[in-house]
Amino acid sequence: MKIYAKTRSNGEYHSPNISHAVHGFREMGFEIVKYQLINEIYNIVTKDDIVLDYIDQCLTVFNKFGVKPDIPDYPEVLKKYLGRSIWKDTINSINSNPDKWGIFVKPVKDKAFTGKVIKGPSDLIGCGSCYENYEVLCSEYIEILREWRGFVYYDKLIDLRPYNGNWCWTSYLDNTIIQKAMVDFTKWENRPVACSLDFAVIEEHKFYNDKGDKVNYETDDERVEYKTIFLEANDAYALGNYGLHHIMYAKLISARWAQLLNREDPCKF
């Protein structure tokens, strides 16, 4: 197996993620081949190799072998942990209907634009044009206090890395929810052997008690509830490192490439 790694014209690896992955694969003894443009290696890459590049370029390689990676952002077995409603719409519909604003949107197409909360016209900048009417996944706005990326490798959560929000909310992370989510993850029939599951702590304001009766809470401490929710899943071939140990990062990538290309994983040791 060869590891093809995208570089800049000066020979540096094209991103910190690529550099981290190369570090891991090199320590495991694999040959690293540098290149700048995917066309340079397209004809010589085999199913036994791995290409470290951006999403579109990786998809080009997968397409060469008749493979189309596709995992849902919100797997059915994990929807009970979402803590919010999810629905589909189009960006043009959101754009032309201000009554729909105040929600979070993200494109169905991988990385077509960065997911964001739409509060006004300025938030729609960069979400495509009228000729690019992207299908989007929408969710109600939630107050996210801190976010974590969970790295899943052969059904085990190998690391949980914070990537957004204030560190002081870490103590509110409910590990019981994460453990239950991992149990349910293994019930997903066609699950990826390597991916990320992102979690968050959110703030909710209570207006009703456990019996469903409306309550006028006297203090914020009584009114506010902190919950751990599942945010989304992401495919391992397109994951950022986020501080994961370089060898485990390389193994994560190798596992998913092996699964997608229907071959043995040489890094499973």
Protein backbone atom coordinates (compact mmCIF):
# COMPACT_ATOMS: atom_id res chain seq x y z
CA MET A 1 0.00 0.00 0.00
CA LYS A 2 1.21 3.48 -0.92
CA ILE A 3 0.07 6.69 0.72
CA TYR A 4 -0.38 9.53 -1.77
CA ALA A 5 -0.22 12.90 -0.01
CA LYS A 6 -1.14 16.26 -1.55
CA THR A 7 1.53 18.97 -1.27
CA ARG A 8 1.98 22.61 -2.19
CA SER A 9 4.48 23.75 -4.82
CA ASN A 10 7.13 24.20 -2.10
CA GLY A 11 6.80 20.57 -1.06
CA GLU A 12 4.93 21.19 2.18
CA TYR A 13 1.88 19.07 2.87
CA HIS A 14 -1.26 20.89 1.79
CA SER A 15 -2.97 20.97 5.21
CA PRO A 16 -2.25 20.15 8.86
CA ASN A 17 -4.63 17.17 8.56
CA ILE A 18 -2.63 15.69 5.70
CA SER A 19 0.59 16.30 7.63
CA HIS A 20 -0.79 14.52 10.73
CA ALA A 21 -1.94 11.54 8.67
CA VAL A 22 1.41 11.30 6.88
CA HIS A 23 3.18 11.33 10.25
CA GLY A 24 1.06 8.40 11.38
CA PHE A 25 1.44 6.33 8.22
CA ARG A 26 5.20 6.97 8.09
CA GLU A 27 5.63 5.74 11.68
CA MET A 28 3.77 2.57 10.69
CA GLY A 29 6.26 2.05 7.85
CA PHE A 30 4.24 2.93 4.75
CA GLU A 31 5.69 4.54 1.63
CA ILE A 32 4.65 8.20 1.20
CA VAL A 33 4.32 9.59 -2.34
CA LYS A 34 3.93 13.35 -2.73
CA TYR A 35 1.88 14.96 -5.50
CA GLN A 36 0.23 18.31 -6.23
CA LEU A 37 -2.68 17.61 -8.58
CA ILE A 38 -4.98 14.58 -8.50
CA ASN A 39 -4.48 14.14 -12.26
CA GLU A 40 -0.84 13.31 -11.61
CA ILE A 41 -1.73 10.11 -9.74
CA TYR A 42 -5.23 9.25 -10.97
CA ASN A 43 -4.10 6.56 -13.42
CA ILE A 44 -1.59 4.91 -11.07
CA VAL A 45 -3.58 4.78 -7.83
CA THR A 46 -4.80 1.25 -7.06
CA LYS A 47 -7.48 -0.04 -4.68
CA ASP A 48 -4.70 -0.96 -2.26
CA ASP A 49 -3.59 2.65 -1.88
CA ILE A 50 -4.82 5.68 0.11
CA VAL A 51 -5.03 9.26 -1.11
CA LEU A 52 -4.75 12.10 1.41
CA ASP A 53 -6.53 15.03 -0.19
CA TYR A 54 -9.71 17.12 0.11
CA ILE A 55 -13.23 15.71 -0.24
CA ASP A 56 -13.79 16.28 -3.96
CA GLN A 57 -10.43 14.77 -4.86
CA CYS A 58 -11.03 11.71 -2.66
CA LEU A 59 -14.44 11.28 -4.24
CA THR A 60 -12.76 11.35 -7.66
CA VAL A 61 -10.57 8.43 -6.60
CA PHE A 62 -13.48 6.50 -5.09
CA ASN A 63 -15.48 7.08 -8.27
CA LYS A 64 -12.64 5.53 -10.27
CA PHE A 65 -13.38 2.28 -8.46
CA GLY A 66 -17.16 2.63 -8.64
CA VAL A 67 -17.53 3.61 -4.97
CA LYS A 68 -19.72 6.39 -3.61
CA PRO A 69 -19.26 7.02 0.14
CA ASP A 70 -22.56 7.86 1.75
CA ILE A 71 -23.37 7.91 5.43
CA PRO A 72 -26.27 9.94 6.87
CA ASP A 73 -25.59 12.97 9.03
CA TYR A 74 -28.26 11.70 11.40
CA PRO A 75 -28.31 7.87 11.49
CA GLU A 76 -31.72 6.47 12.33
CA VAL A 77 -30.43 4.58 15.39
CA LEU A 78 -29.13 7.83 16.91
CA LYS A 79 -32.05 10.15 16.22
CA LYS A 80 -33.38 9.70 19.76
CA TYR A 81 -30.32 11.64 20.99
CA LEU A 82 -30.70 14.65 18.66
CA GLY A 83 -32.66 16.76 21.13
CA ARG A 84 -34.15 18.75 18.25
CA SER A 85 -36.27 18.38 15.12
CA ILE A 86 -34.58 17.84 11.73
CA TRP A 87 -36.22 18.40 8.33
CA LYS A 88 -35.30 19.04 4.69
CA ASP A 89 -35.82 22.17 2.61
CA THR A 90 -34.02 24.08 -0.16
CA ILE A 91 -31.81 27.11 0.29
CA ASN A 92 -33.91 29.13 -2.18
CA SER A 93 -37.01 28.44 -0.11
CA ILE A 94 -35.19 29.58 3.05
CA ASN A 95 -33.91 32.66 1.21
CA SER A 96 -37.33 33.78 -0.03
CA ASN A 97 -39.26 33.12 3.19
CA PRO A 98 -38.09 35.25 6.14
CA ASP A 99 -40.61 33.47 8.35
CA LYS A 100 -38.34 30.41 8.06
CA TRP A 101 -35.31 32.25 9.44
CA GLY A 102 -33.95 31.63 12.91
CA ILE A 103 -32.98 28.04 12.13
CA PHE A 104 -29.72 26.15 11.53
CA VAL A 105 -29.13 24.91 7.96
CA LYS A 106 -26.46 22.71 6.42
CA PRO A 107 -26.19 21.40 2.86
CA VAL A 108 -27.10 17.81 2.05
CA LYS A 109 -24.19 17.84 -0.43
CA ASP A 110 -20.93 17.42 1.48
CA LYS A 111 -19.23 20.75 2.24
CA ALA A 112 -21.18 22.73 -0.39
CA PHE A 113 -21.10 25.46 2.25
CA THR A 114 -20.54 25.63 5.99
CA GLY A 115 -23.62 25.03 8.11
CA LYS A 116 -24.87 28.14 9.86
CA VAL A 117 -27.75 29.78 11.70
CA ILE A 118 -29.85 31.92 9.34
CA LYS A 119 -30.97 35.05 11.19
CA GLY A 120 -31.01 37.53 8.29
CA PRO A 121 -29.96 38.21 4.67
CA SER A 122 -26.25 38.48 5.52
CA ASP A 123 -26.23 34.91 6.81
CA LEU A 124 -27.28 33.65 3.37
CA ILE A 125 -24.11 34.94 1.74
CA GLY A 126 -22.02 31.99 0.57
CA CYS A 127 -24.94 29.53 0.64
CA GLY A 128 -25.14 29.25 -3.14
CA SER A 129 -26.94 31.29 -5.77
CA CYS A 130 -30.40 31.01 -7.29
CA TYR A 131 -28.78 28.66 -9.83
CA GLU A 132 -27.45 26.46 -7.00
CA ASN A 133 -30.62 25.65 -5.11
CA TYR A 134 -28.99 23.31 -2.63
CA GLU A 135 -31.08 20.87 -0.68
CA VAL A 136 -30.47 21.59 3.00
CA LEU A 137 -31.02 19.92 6.33
CA CYS A 138 -32.70 22.25 8.80
CA SER A 139 -33.00 22.16 12.56
CA GLU A 140 -34.44 24.42 15.19
CA TYR A 141 -31.95 26.78 16.78
CA ILE A 142 -30.34 25.45 19.96
CA GLU A 143 -28.01 27.14 22.42
CA ILE A 144 -24.80 25.09 22.09
CA LEU A 145 -22.37 25.66 24.94
CA ARG A 146 -19.62 23.20 23.96
CA GLU A 147 -19.02 20.67 21.20
CA TRP A 148 -16.96 17.48 21.05
CA ARG A 149 -15.87 15.22 18.23
CA GLY A 150 -16.01 11.53 19.08
CA PHE A 151 -13.76 9.32 16.95
CA VAL A 152 -15.24 5.85 16.35
CA TYR A 153 -12.94 3.02 15.27
CA TYR A 154 -14.30 -0.52 14.82
CA ASP A 155 -17.27 0.16 17.12
CA LYS A 156 -15.19 1.75 19.88
CA LEU A 157 -15.05 5.39 20.88
CA ILE A 158 -11.29 5.92 20.89
CA ASP A 159 -11.21 9.64 21.69
CA LEU A 160 -13.45 12.61 22.42
CA ARG A 161 -12.01 15.98 21.42
CA PRO A 162 -13.51 19.41 22.22
CA TYR A 163 -13.58 21.72 19.21
CA ASN A 164 -15.93 24.61 19.97
CA GLY A 165 -17.38 26.45 22.95
CA ASN A 166 -16.24 27.38 26.43
CA TRP A 167 -14.24 24.81 28.40
CA CYS A 168 -16.19 25.55 31.60
CA TRP A 169 -19.18 23.56 30.27
CA THR A 170 -17.14 20.34 30.09
CA SER A 171 -18.39 19.16 33.48
CA TYR A 172 -21.96 19.13 32.12
CA LEU A 173 -21.14 16.48 29.50
CA ASP A 174 -23.25 13.41 30.28
CA ASN A 175 -21.13 10.35 29.56
CA THR A 176 -24.13 8.11 30.12
CA ILE A 177 -25.77 9.55 27.00
CA ILE A 178 -22.62 8.97 24.98
CA GLN A 179 -22.31 5.38 26.20
CA LYS A 180 -25.93 4.67 25.30
CA ALA A 181 -25.44 6.25 21.87
CA MET A 182 -22.45 3.99 21.25
CA VAL A 183 -24.50 0.91 22.14
CA ASP A 184 -27.19 2.00 19.69
CA PHE A 185 -24.54 2.81 17.07
CA THR A 186 -23.63 -0.88 16.93
CA LYS A 187 -27.24 -1.65 15.97
CA TRP A 188 -26.73 0.28 12.70
CA GLU A 189 -26.58 -2.53 10.14
CA ASN A 190 -24.41 -0.89 7.46
CA ARG A 191 -22.41 1.36 9.75
CA PRO A 192 -18.93 2.63 8.85
CA VAL A 193 -16.00 0.99 10.62
CA ALA A 194 -14.54 4.46 11.15
CA CYS A 195 -16.33 7.77 11.51
CA SER A 196 -17.00 10.61 13.93
CA LEU A 197 -19.99 11.15 16.17
CA ASP A 198 -20.22 14.72 17.38
CA PHE A 199 -21.85 15.61 20.69
CA ALA A 200 -22.72 18.85 22.45
CA VAL A 201 -23.94 20.29 25.71
CA ILE A 202 -26.88 22.63 25.19
CA GLU A 203 -28.87 24.96 27.38
CA GLU A 204 -32.64 24.60 27.58
CA HIS A 205 -35.16 26.70 29.46
CA LYS A 206 -37.84 24.75 31.28
CA PHE A 207 -41.39 26.01 31.36
CA TYR A 208 -43.07 22.76 32.39
CA ASN A 209 -42.41 20.22 35.10
CA ASP A 210 -42.14 16.46 34.59
CA LYS A 211 -45.94 16.17 34.81
CA GLY A 212 -46.45 18.65 31.95
CA ASP A 213 -47.71 21.45 34.19
CA LYS A 214 -46.54 24.97 33.41
CA VAL A 215 -44.31 26.31 36.15
CA ASN A 216 -43.03 29.80 36.93
CA TYR A 217 -39.52 29.06 38.13
CA GLU A 218 -38.16 31.69 40.50
CA THR A 219 -34.47 31.47 39.59
CA ASP A 220 -32.41 30.77 36.49
CA ASP A 221 -30.83 27.78 38.21
CA GLU A 222 -34.25 26.18 38.47
CA ARG A 223 -35.31 27.19 34.96
CA VAL A 224 -32.19 26.20 33.01
CA GLU A 225 -31.41 22.59 32.13
CA TYR A 226 -28.18 21.37 30.53
CA LYS A 227 -28.47 18.43 28.14
CA THR A 228 -26.00 16.31 26.19
CA ILE A 229 -27.16 15.71 22.63
CA PHE A 230 -25.89 14.05 19.46
CA LEU A 231 -25.03 16.57 16.73
CA GLU A 232 -24.06 14.62 13.60
CA ALA A 233 -21.98 11.85 12.08
CA ASN A 234 -19.11 12.35 9.62
CA ASP A 235 -17.24 9.94 7.36
CA ALA A 236 -13.67 9.06 8.37
CA TYR A 237 -12.18 9.68 4.92
CA ALA A 238 -13.11 13.37 5.33
CA LEU A 239 -12.37 14.02 9.02
CA GLY A 240 -10.22 16.72 10.56
CA ASN A 241 -7.61 15.61 13.09
CA TYR A 242 -8.76 17.82 16.01
CA GLY A 243 -5.85 16.61 18.16
CA LEU A 244 -6.31 12.86 17.70
CA HIS A 245 -2.99 10.99 18.02
CA HIS A 246 -1.38 10.81 14.57
CA ILE A 247 -1.14 7.01 14.44
CA MET A 248 -4.78 6.56 15.46
CA TYR A 249 -5.72 9.23 12.91
CA ALA A 250 -3.95 7.29 10.18
CA LYS A 251 -5.56 4.03 11.33
CA LEU A 252 -8.98 5.68 11.25
CA ILE A 253 -8.46 6.74 7.64
CA SER A 254 -7.06 3.36 6.65
CA ALA A 255 -10.01 1.48 8.17
CA ARG A 256 -12.58 3.47 6.21
CA TRP A 257 -10.68 3.30 2.91
CA ALA A 258 -10.38 -0.48 3.33
CA GLN A 259 -14.11 -0.81 4.01
CA LEU A 260 -15.10 1.40 1.07
CA LEU A 261 -12.78 -0.40 -1.36
CA ASN A 262 -13.74 -3.84 0.00
CA ARG A 263 -10.26 -4.99 1.00
CA GLU A 264 -8.37 -5.89 4.15
CA ASP A 265 -7.20 -3.11 6.44
CA PRO A 266 -3.37 -3.35 6.72
CA CYS A 267 -3.42 -1.01 9.75
CA LYS A 268 -5.72 -3.14 11.88
CA PHE A 269 -3.19 -4.23 14.47
